[in-house]
Amino acid sequence: NFNMVGSIPFNDDTNTGDVLTVTLFVKVNGHKILGVKIDGSAANIDLDWVGGSAPAATVGSAYDMYTFIIMKTATTPAYHIVASKIGVG
C-alpha cells in the first residue's frame, strides 16, 4: 500500500503525469507481493510486471528487490505501475 508521509493522500500530493519510483527490499522467507494499493485502494490501478506475470515467492536467506514505477494517469485517480523483482545477496 503506497501512501505519502503524514496525513496527505498520495492522490492529493501528485499530479497527472507525475512519476515516482519506489524500491523495496524484502527478506526472502517464502513471501511474495500479491497486489498493490495506493491510498488503501486497488481501484484504477493498471499493474504490469516486467516479464508478463507476477513473480513467485522466493525461498532462502537472501533478499528480493522490488521496483515499482508509478505514474499517475488521471485525476480519477488512476495509476499505471510497472513492477519488477530481482533476487540479491
N, C-alpha and C. Protein backbone atom coordinates (compact mmCIF):
# COMPACT_ATOMS: atom_id res chain seq x y z
N ASN A 1 0.85 -1.17 0.00
CA ASN A 1 0.00 0.00 0.00
C ASN A 1 0.89 1.23 0.00
N PHE A 2 0.85 2.01 -1.06
CA PHE A 2 1.65 3.22 -1.15
C PHE A 2 0.86 4.42 -0.63
N ASN A 3 1.45 5.13 0.31
CA ASN A 3 0.88 6.35 0.88
C ASN A 3 2.00 7.37 0.98
N MET A 4 1.65 8.63 1.02
CA MET A 4 2.63 9.68 1.27
C MET A 4 2.81 9.82 2.78
N VAL A 5 3.82 10.53 3.18
CA VAL A 5 4.10 10.75 4.60
C VAL A 5 3.06 11.71 5.18
N GLY A 6 2.65 11.44 6.42
CA GLY A 6 1.69 12.31 7.08
C GLY A 6 0.27 11.98 6.68
N SER A 7 -0.58 12.97 6.77
CA SER A 7 -2.00 12.75 6.52
C SER A 7 -2.42 13.10 5.09
N ILE A 8 -1.47 13.46 4.22
CA ILE A 8 -1.81 13.83 2.85
C ILE A 8 -1.87 12.57 1.99
N PRO A 9 -3.01 12.27 1.37
CA PRO A 9 -3.10 11.10 0.49
C PRO A 9 -2.17 11.23 -0.72
N PHE A 10 -1.69 10.10 -1.22
CA PHE A 10 -0.84 10.04 -2.41
C PHE A 10 -1.50 10.81 -3.55
N ASN A 11 -2.81 10.60 -3.74
CA ASN A 11 -3.54 11.27 -4.81
C ASN A 11 -3.46 12.79 -4.70
N ASP A 12 -3.55 13.32 -3.48
CA ASP A 12 -3.53 14.77 -3.31
C ASP A 12 -2.15 15.38 -3.46
N ASP A 13 -1.11 14.57 -3.31
CA ASP A 13 0.26 15.07 -3.37
C ASP A 13 0.92 14.83 -4.73
N THR A 14 0.15 14.31 -5.70
CA THR A 14 0.67 14.07 -7.05
C THR A 14 -0.26 14.66 -8.09
N ASN A 15 0.31 14.94 -9.25
CA ASN A 15 -0.45 15.46 -10.39
C ASN A 15 -0.46 14.43 -11.51
N THR A 16 -1.43 14.51 -12.39
CA THR A 16 -1.46 13.63 -13.55
C THR A 16 -0.16 13.79 -14.33
N GLY A 17 0.46 12.66 -14.65
CA GLY A 17 1.74 12.66 -15.36
C GLY A 17 2.94 12.53 -14.45
N ASP A 18 2.76 12.72 -13.13
CA ASP A 18 3.87 12.53 -12.19
C ASP A 18 4.29 11.07 -12.17
N VAL A 19 5.61 10.86 -12.03
CA VAL A 19 6.17 9.51 -11.96
C VAL A 19 7.02 9.40 -10.72
N LEU A 20 6.86 8.32 -9.98
CA LEU A 20 7.60 8.06 -8.76
C LEU A 20 8.14 6.64 -8.83
N THR A 21 9.40 6.45 -8.47
CA THR A 21 9.98 5.11 -8.42
C THR A 21 10.22 4.73 -6.97
N VAL A 22 9.76 3.54 -6.60
CA VAL A 22 9.91 3.04 -5.24
C VAL A 22 10.65 1.70 -5.30
N THR A 23 11.67 1.56 -4.46
CA THR A 23 12.41 0.30 -4.37
C THR A 23 12.19 -0.28 -2.98
N LEU A 24 11.90 -1.56 -2.93
CA LEU A 24 11.59 -2.24 -1.69
C LEU A 24 12.45 -3.50 -1.57
N PHE A 25 13.19 -3.63 -0.46
CA PHE A 25 13.96 -4.84 -0.19
C PHE A 25 13.17 -5.69 0.81
N VAL A 26 13.01 -6.97 0.48
CA VAL A 26 12.25 -7.88 1.33
C VAL A 26 13.13 -9.08 1.66
N LYS A 27 13.25 -9.41 2.95
CA LYS A 27 14.00 -10.60 3.37
C LYS A 27 13.27 -11.82 2.83
N VAL A 28 14.00 -12.66 2.10
CA VAL A 28 13.39 -13.84 1.50
C VAL A 28 13.00 -14.82 2.59
N ASN A 29 11.75 -15.22 2.55
CA ASN A 29 11.24 -16.17 3.52
C ASN A 29 9.93 -16.76 3.00
N GLY A 30 9.87 -16.97 1.70
CA GLY A 30 8.67 -17.51 1.10
C GLY A 30 7.56 -16.49 0.88
N HIS A 31 7.89 -15.20 1.03
CA HIS A 31 6.89 -14.15 0.85
C HIS A 31 6.88 -13.65 -0.60
N LYS A 32 5.76 -13.14 -1.01
CA LYS A 32 5.67 -12.50 -2.32
C LYS A 32 4.63 -11.40 -2.26
N ILE A 33 4.69 -10.50 -3.20
CA ILE A 33 3.73 -9.40 -3.27
C ILE A 33 2.52 -9.87 -4.07
N LEU A 34 1.36 -9.77 -3.46
CA LEU A 34 0.13 -10.26 -4.09
C LEU A 34 -0.60 -9.18 -4.88
N GLY A 35 -0.38 -7.92 -4.53
CA GLY A 35 -1.06 -6.83 -5.22
C GLY A 35 -0.54 -5.50 -4.74
N VAL A 36 -1.06 -4.45 -5.32
CA VAL A 36 -0.62 -3.10 -5.00
C VAL A 36 -1.84 -2.24 -4.73
N LYS A 37 -1.73 -1.41 -3.69
CA LYS A 37 -2.78 -0.44 -3.38
C LYS A 37 -2.14 0.94 -3.27
N ILE A 38 -2.91 1.95 -3.58
CA ILE A 38 -2.50 3.33 -3.37
C ILE A 38 -3.59 4.00 -2.55
N ASP A 39 -3.19 4.62 -1.46
CA ASP A 39 -4.14 5.24 -0.52
C ASP A 39 -5.20 4.24 -0.06
N GLY A 40 -4.81 2.96 0.08
CA GLY A 40 -5.71 1.94 0.59
C GLY A 40 -6.65 1.33 -0.42
N SER A 41 -6.49 1.67 -1.70
CA SER A 41 -7.42 1.17 -2.71
C SER A 41 -6.66 0.54 -3.88
N ALA A 42 -7.21 -0.56 -4.41
CA ALA A 42 -6.65 -1.20 -5.60
C ALA A 42 -7.40 -0.78 -6.86
N ALA A 43 -8.39 0.11 -6.72
CA ALA A 43 -9.19 0.56 -7.87
C ALA A 43 -8.36 1.43 -8.81
N ASN A 44 -8.61 1.31 -10.08
CA ASN A 44 -8.00 2.14 -11.13
C ASN A 44 -6.47 2.04 -11.14
N ILE A 45 -5.95 0.85 -10.83
CA ILE A 45 -4.51 0.61 -10.91
C ILE A 45 -4.26 -0.42 -12.01
N ASP A 46 -3.47 -0.04 -13.00
CA ASP A 46 -3.05 -0.93 -14.06
C ASP A 46 -1.64 -1.38 -13.71
N LEU A 47 -1.49 -2.61 -13.20
CA LEU A 47 -0.20 -3.13 -12.75
C LEU A 47 0.35 -4.08 -13.80
N ASP A 48 1.53 -3.77 -14.32
CA ASP A 48 2.20 -4.62 -15.30
C ASP A 48 3.55 -5.06 -14.72
N TRP A 49 3.78 -6.38 -14.70
CA TRP A 49 5.05 -6.92 -14.23
C TRP A 49 5.99 -7.11 -15.42
N VAL A 50 7.24 -6.72 -15.25
CA VAL A 50 8.26 -6.99 -16.26
C VAL A 50 8.33 -8.50 -16.41
N GLY A 51 8.25 -9.00 -17.64
CA GLY A 51 8.23 -10.44 -17.88
C GLY A 51 6.83 -10.98 -18.06
N GLY A 52 5.80 -10.15 -17.76
CA GLY A 52 4.43 -10.53 -18.08
C GLY A 52 3.56 -11.04 -16.94
N SER A 53 4.17 -11.54 -15.85
CA SER A 53 3.33 -12.03 -14.75
C SER A 53 4.03 -11.78 -13.42
N ALA A 54 3.23 -11.78 -12.35
CA ALA A 54 3.77 -11.55 -11.01
C ALA A 54 4.75 -12.67 -10.66
N PRO A 55 5.86 -12.33 -10.03
CA PRO A 55 6.86 -13.35 -9.70
C PRO A 55 6.40 -14.26 -8.56
N ALA A 56 6.96 -15.45 -8.53
CA ALA A 56 6.66 -16.41 -7.46
C ALA A 56 7.44 -16.05 -6.20
N ALA A 57 7.03 -16.62 -5.10
CA ALA A 57 7.75 -16.42 -3.84
C ALA A 57 9.13 -17.07 -3.95
N THR A 58 10.09 -16.46 -3.29
CA THR A 58 11.45 -16.97 -3.26
C THR A 58 11.72 -17.54 -1.88
N VAL A 59 12.48 -18.63 -1.83
CA VAL A 59 12.88 -19.18 -0.53
C VAL A 59 14.39 -19.09 -0.42
N GLY A 60 14.88 -18.98 0.80
CA GLY A 60 16.32 -18.87 1.03
C GLY A 60 16.60 -17.85 2.11
N SER A 61 17.84 -17.35 2.10
CA SER A 61 18.24 -16.43 3.17
C SER A 61 18.69 -15.07 2.63
N ALA A 62 18.46 -14.80 1.39
CA ALA A 62 18.88 -13.53 0.79
C ALA A 62 17.73 -12.52 0.82
N TYR A 63 17.76 -11.58 -0.09
CA TYR A 63 16.73 -10.56 -0.21
C TYR A 63 16.19 -10.52 -1.63
N ASP A 64 14.95 -10.08 -1.76
CA ASP A 64 14.39 -9.75 -3.07
C ASP A 64 14.29 -8.24 -3.14
N MET A 65 14.56 -7.69 -4.31
CA MET A 65 14.42 -6.26 -4.53
C MET A 65 13.29 -6.04 -5.53
N TYR A 66 12.26 -5.36 -5.07
CA TYR A 66 11.14 -5.00 -5.93
C TYR A 66 11.27 -3.53 -6.31
N THR A 67 11.01 -3.23 -7.56
CA THR A 67 10.99 -1.85 -8.03
C THR A 67 9.63 -1.57 -8.64
N PHE A 68 9.03 -0.46 -8.23
CA PHE A 68 7.73 -0.04 -8.74
C PHE A 68 7.87 1.35 -9.35
N ILE A 69 7.53 1.47 -10.62
CA ILE A 69 7.49 2.78 -11.29
C ILE A 69 6.01 3.14 -11.38
N ILE A 70 5.63 4.17 -10.64
CA ILE A 70 4.22 4.55 -10.51
C ILE A 70 3.97 5.84 -11.26
N MET A 71 3.06 5.81 -12.22
CA MET A 71 2.69 7.02 -12.96
C MET A 71 1.20 7.29 -12.75
N LYS A 72 0.91 8.50 -12.31
CA LYS A 72 -0.50 8.90 -12.17
C LYS A 72 -1.01 9.27 -13.55
N THR A 73 -2.06 8.60 -14.00
CA THR A 73 -2.55 8.77 -15.36
C THR A 73 -3.83 9.59 -15.48
N ALA A 74 -4.49 9.84 -14.34
CA ALA A 74 -5.73 10.63 -14.37
C ALA A 74 -6.03 11.15 -12.97
N THR A 75 -6.87 12.19 -12.90
CA THR A 75 -7.25 12.75 -11.61
C THR A 75 -8.31 11.91 -10.90
N THR A 76 -8.75 10.84 -11.53
CA THR A 76 -9.83 9.98 -11.03
C THR A 76 -9.68 9.55 -9.58
N PRO A 77 -8.62 9.12 -8.99
CA PRO A 77 -7.28 8.93 -9.54
C PRO A 77 -7.12 7.58 -10.23
N ALA A 78 -6.14 7.52 -11.13
CA ALA A 78 -5.79 6.28 -11.81
C ALA A 78 -4.28 6.24 -11.96
N TYR A 79 -3.73 5.02 -11.94
CA TYR A 79 -2.28 4.86 -11.98
C TYR A 79 -1.89 3.71 -12.90
N HIS A 80 -0.74 3.86 -13.55
CA HIS A 80 -0.11 2.76 -14.28
C HIS A 80 1.18 2.45 -13.53
N ILE A 81 1.34 1.19 -13.13
CA ILE A 81 2.53 0.79 -12.38
C ILE A 81 3.24 -0.32 -13.15
N VAL A 82 4.55 -0.14 -13.33
CA VAL A 82 5.40 -1.17 -13.90
C VAL A 82 6.27 -1.69 -12.76
N ALA A 83 6.23 -3.00 -12.52
CA ALA A 83 6.93 -3.59 -11.38
C ALA A 83 7.89 -4.67 -11.84
N SER A 84 8.97 -4.84 -11.05
CA SER A 84 9.93 -5.90 -11.34
C SER A 84 10.50 -6.42 -10.03
N LYS A 85 11.09 -7.61 -10.10
CA LYS A 85 11.70 -8.24 -8.92
C LYS A 85 12.99 -8.91 -9.33
N ILE A 86 14.03 -8.71 -8.51
CA ILE A 86 15.27 -9.46 -8.69
C ILE A 86 15.73 -9.97 -7.34
N GLY A 87 16.41 -11.08 -7.33
CA GLY A 87 16.98 -11.60 -6.09
C GLY A 87 18.38 -11.01 -5.90
N VAL A 88 18.72 -10.65 -4.68
CA VAL A 88 20.05 -10.09 -4.38
C VAL A 88 20.62 -10.80 -3.16
N GLY A 89 21.94 -10.86 -3.10
CA GLY A 89 22.62 -11.39 -1.94
C GLY A 89 22.66 -12.85 -1.96
